[in-house]
Each structure stands twice: as structure tokens, then as C-alpha cells.
Amino acid sequence: MTDQQTVVVTGFGPFGSHTINASWLAVQELARKGLGQGINLVVDQLPVAYSEVKNIVPKLWNLRPKLVVHVGVSGIADRLTLEQLAHNDGYEREDIFNCVPDTKCCVDGADHCLVSAIDMTKVQQCVNSSACGVEAIVSTDPGR
């Protein structure tokens, strides 16, 4: 019996005038291709709704994944943008239910900023030196 490592990758559902979210299409393509033997790839589509994300994401962490990647979409990005950090506050845009967190925070009482332990500059260098045809950049100013 082989011990498999779990990797969770999420995309987002429709929002606004976007009936199909490109992030979910990318995650579905990854699911079709897989990550190879020994990797239990779990994919999920997150609704663009604060309350739903607060409910679903902790359950995904209960799977004890080795890695979690949340794939998003940006109308202004022209390259693969690797976010080195995430903000917990400043969320003022309405979700698909026209809601905004009362405290403008994702997780009340949590740190204002979460910095990934993954060196995104190294990931960027690997992507840019590969033959995949995608250019990556590192961002320390994620959207909200």
C-alpha cells in the first residue's frame, strides 16, 4: 500500500457577469491531468461568498493536505501571479449574496497578514525556466 500525499486545489464559482469562472476551468484541467502517482488530488469549487468560504475551507484542511492552492482570476493580470501573502482585512466588495463581512475580515481575530512559507520567487523561476509557455510573477499585494 502506497502512502499518498493529499494536495487540495480550489477554484471559484461564477460571480457578477462571469457565468463561468476561469479559475475553476483551470482547476478542472489540472484534475483531468492529475499530479502523478502518490498524489491524492482533491479539487473543489468555492462559491464567491464569504460565508460559504468560511465554512468550506476549514473542512478542506481537515483532509490534512500537504499543500493547498487557491486559484483565483484577475481581469488585469497578464501573467500567472503567485501571491506570496494574503490579507485578512479590507474585504469591502459584495459577494454573490450581496454580503460583506461585518468586520471586513475573512477570519475574525486572525493575523492581518498570512505569509506563505513557500518561496514564490523560486516557484516563479521554475515556471519561467520551464517549457510550459507561461510567464509567472510574484505579488505581495493580493486583491481582496
Foldseek 3Di string as FASTA:
>chain_A
DAAAAEEEEEEEADWDPRNGFVQRVVVVVCVVVDDDPRYHYHYDYFYQALVRCLVPVVVVCVVVHPYYHYGYDDPPDPAAEAEQKDAFADQDAAGRVRDAPPRRGSDPPDDGMDGDPDDVVVVQVVVVPDPPPGHYDYDHDDDD
